[in-house]
Amino acid sequence: MLNRFLVFIALFSFSFAVYNVGQTVSISDQQQNLTVCNGHEPNDDSDGNFSLYDYNGEYNGGAYYVTHIDMAASW
């Protein structure tokens, strides 16, 4: 019984995933600003805010970047 419950919870948690492997991040999600708390921004911007939108070549004047997003959890 406990095993079935754990399997159900594991499978149910996948329904909350917003993105899957290979999907493109939406423009509205790209425009979310995050604070850079340590280090520098790879695009040499110094405003202290980071957003994926800054690295989208269609909107930043043609400077294209390759981005690898790694999300990991240990539970």
C-alpha atoms as a PDB file:
ATOM      1  CA  MET A   1       0.000   0.000   0.000  1.00  0.00           C
ATOM      2  CA  LEU A   2       2.804   2.418   0.902  1.00  0.00           C
ATOM      3  CA  ASN A   3       4.618   1.630  -2.344  1.00  0.00           C
ATOM      4  CA  ARG A   4       1.528   2.470  -4.407  1.00  0.00           C
ATOM      5  CA  PHE A   5       1.133   5.751  -2.550  1.00  0.00           C
ATOM      6  CA  LEU A   6       4.770   6.707  -3.171  1.00  0.00           C
ATOM      7  CA  VAL A   7       4.466   5.872  -6.858  1.00  0.00           C
ATOM      8  CA  PHE A   8       1.289   7.944  -7.077  1.00  0.00           C
ATOM      9  CA  ILE A   9       2.979  10.928  -5.401  1.00  0.00           C
ATOM     10  CA  ALA A  10       6.004  10.633  -7.689  1.00  0.00           C
ATOM     11  CA  LEU A  11       3.871  10.517 -10.841  1.00  0.00           C
ATOM     12  CA  PHE A  12       1.556  13.262  -9.579  1.00  0.00           C
ATOM     13  CA  SER A  13       4.499  15.604  -8.992  1.00  0.00           C
ATOM     14  CA  PHE A  14       5.404  15.450 -12.702  1.00  0.00           C
ATOM     15  CA  SER A  15       2.109  17.130 -13.562  1.00  0.00           C
ATOM     16  CA  PHE A  16       3.389  20.364 -11.982  1.00  0.00           C
ATOM     17  CA  ALA A  17       6.406  20.648 -14.293  1.00  0.00           C
ATOM     18  CA  VAL A  18       6.262  23.769 -16.448  1.00  0.00           C
ATOM     19  CA  TYR A  19       8.979  22.807 -18.907  1.00  0.00           C
ATOM     20  CA  ASN A  20      10.256  19.523 -20.275  1.00  0.00           C
ATOM     21  CA  VAL A  21      13.545  18.663 -21.980  1.00  0.00           C
ATOM     22  CA  GLY A  22      13.903  20.472 -25.295  1.00  0.00           C
ATOM     23  CA  GLN A  23      11.197  23.073 -24.782  1.00  0.00           C
ATOM     24  CA  THR A  24      11.785  26.784 -25.369  1.00  0.00           C
ATOM     25  CA  VAL A  25      11.458  29.179 -22.439  1.00  0.00           C
ATOM     26  CA  SER A  26       8.564  31.593 -23.068  1.00  0.00           C
ATOM     27  CA  ILE A  27       9.236  35.305 -23.577  1.00  0.00           C
ATOM     28  CA  SER A  28       7.334  36.208 -20.397  1.00  0.00           C
ATOM     29  CA  ASP A  29       9.533  33.831 -18.376  1.00  0.00           C
ATOM     30  CA  GLN A  30      12.641  35.200 -20.101  1.00  0.00           C
ATOM     31  CA  GLN A  31      11.748  38.719 -18.987  1.00  0.00           C
ATOM     32  CA  GLN A  32      11.768  37.922 -15.259  1.00  0.00           C
ATOM     33  CA  ASN A  33      14.576  39.915 -13.623  1.00  0.00           C
ATOM     34  CA  LEU A  34      16.778  38.275 -11.018  1.00  0.00           C
ATOM     35  CA  THR A  35      19.382  40.019  -8.892  1.00  0.00           C
ATOM     36  CA  VAL A  36      23.032  39.188  -9.481  1.00  0.00           C
ATOM     37  CA  CYS A  37      24.387  38.812  -5.972  1.00  0.00           C
ATOM     38  CA  ASN A  38      27.952  37.762  -6.768  1.00  0.00           C
ATOM     39  CA  GLY A  39      30.148  37.903  -9.840  1.00  0.00           C
ATOM     40  CA  HIS A  40      29.478  39.536 -13.167  1.00  0.00           C
ATOM     41  CA  GLU A  41      26.971  39.120 -15.930  1.00  0.00           C
ATOM     42  CA  PRO A  42      28.273  37.180 -18.966  1.00  0.00           C
ATOM     43  CA  ASN A  43      27.010  39.852 -21.368  1.00  0.00           C
ATOM     44  CA  ASP A  44      29.142  42.523 -19.598  1.00  0.00           C
ATOM     45  CA  ASP A  45      26.058  44.398 -18.443  1.00  0.00           C
ATOM     46  CA  SER A  46      26.476  46.057 -15.034  1.00  0.00           C
ATOM     47  CA  ASP A  47      22.911  46.819 -13.954  1.00  0.00           C
ATOM     48  CA  GLY A  48      22.911  44.036 -11.318  1.00  0.00           C
ATOM     49  CA  ASN A  49      19.889  42.309 -12.858  1.00  0.00           C
ATOM     50  CA  PHE A  50      19.920  39.083 -14.826  1.00  0.00           C
ATOM     51  CA  SER A  51      17.270  37.864 -17.224  1.00  0.00           C
ATOM     52  CA  LEU A  52      17.325  35.314 -20.011  1.00  0.00           C
ATOM     53  CA  TYR A  53      15.810  37.996 -22.251  1.00  0.00           C
ATOM     54  CA  ASP A  54      19.196  39.795 -22.231  1.00  0.00           C
ATOM     55  CA  TYR A  55      20.700  36.739 -23.954  1.00  0.00           C
ATOM     56  CA  ASN A  56      18.008  36.316 -26.629  1.00  0.00           C
ATOM     57  CA  GLY A  57      19.583  37.424 -29.910  1.00  0.00           C
ATOM     58  CA  GLU A  58      16.230  38.277 -31.478  1.00  0.00           C
ATOM     59  CA  TYR A  59      15.692  41.004 -28.868  1.00  0.00           C
ATOM     60  CA  ASN A  60      19.164  42.161 -27.786  1.00  0.00           C
ATOM     61  CA  GLY A  61      20.518  43.332 -31.119  1.00  0.00           C
ATOM     62  CA  GLY A  62      21.773  40.066 -32.549  1.00  0.00           C
ATOM     63  CA  ALA A  63      24.170  38.740 -29.874  1.00  0.00           C
ATOM     64  CA  TYR A  64      23.169  35.077 -29.553  1.00  0.00           C
ATOM     65  CA  TYR A  65      24.132  32.936 -26.556  1.00  0.00           C
ATOM     66  CA  VAL A  66      23.859  29.228 -25.806  1.00  0.00           C
ATOM     67  CA  THR A  67      22.324  28.608 -22.371  1.00  0.00           C
ATOM     68  CA  HIS A  68      22.296  25.351 -20.445  1.00  0.00           C
ATOM     69  CA  ILE A  69      19.890  25.301 -17.502  1.00  0.00           C
ATOM     70  CA  ASP A  70      20.499  22.481 -15.040  1.00  0.00           C
ATOM     71  CA  MET A  71      17.886  21.944 -12.374  1.00  0.00           C
ATOM     72  CA  ALA A  72      18.728  19.316  -9.787  1.00  0.00           C
ATOM     73  CA  ALA A  73      17.141  18.173  -6.556  1.00  0.00           C
ATOM     74  CA  SER A  74      18.144  15.658  -3.930  1.00  0.00           C
ATOM     75  CA  TRP A  75      15.233  14.176  -2.017  1.00  0.00           C
END
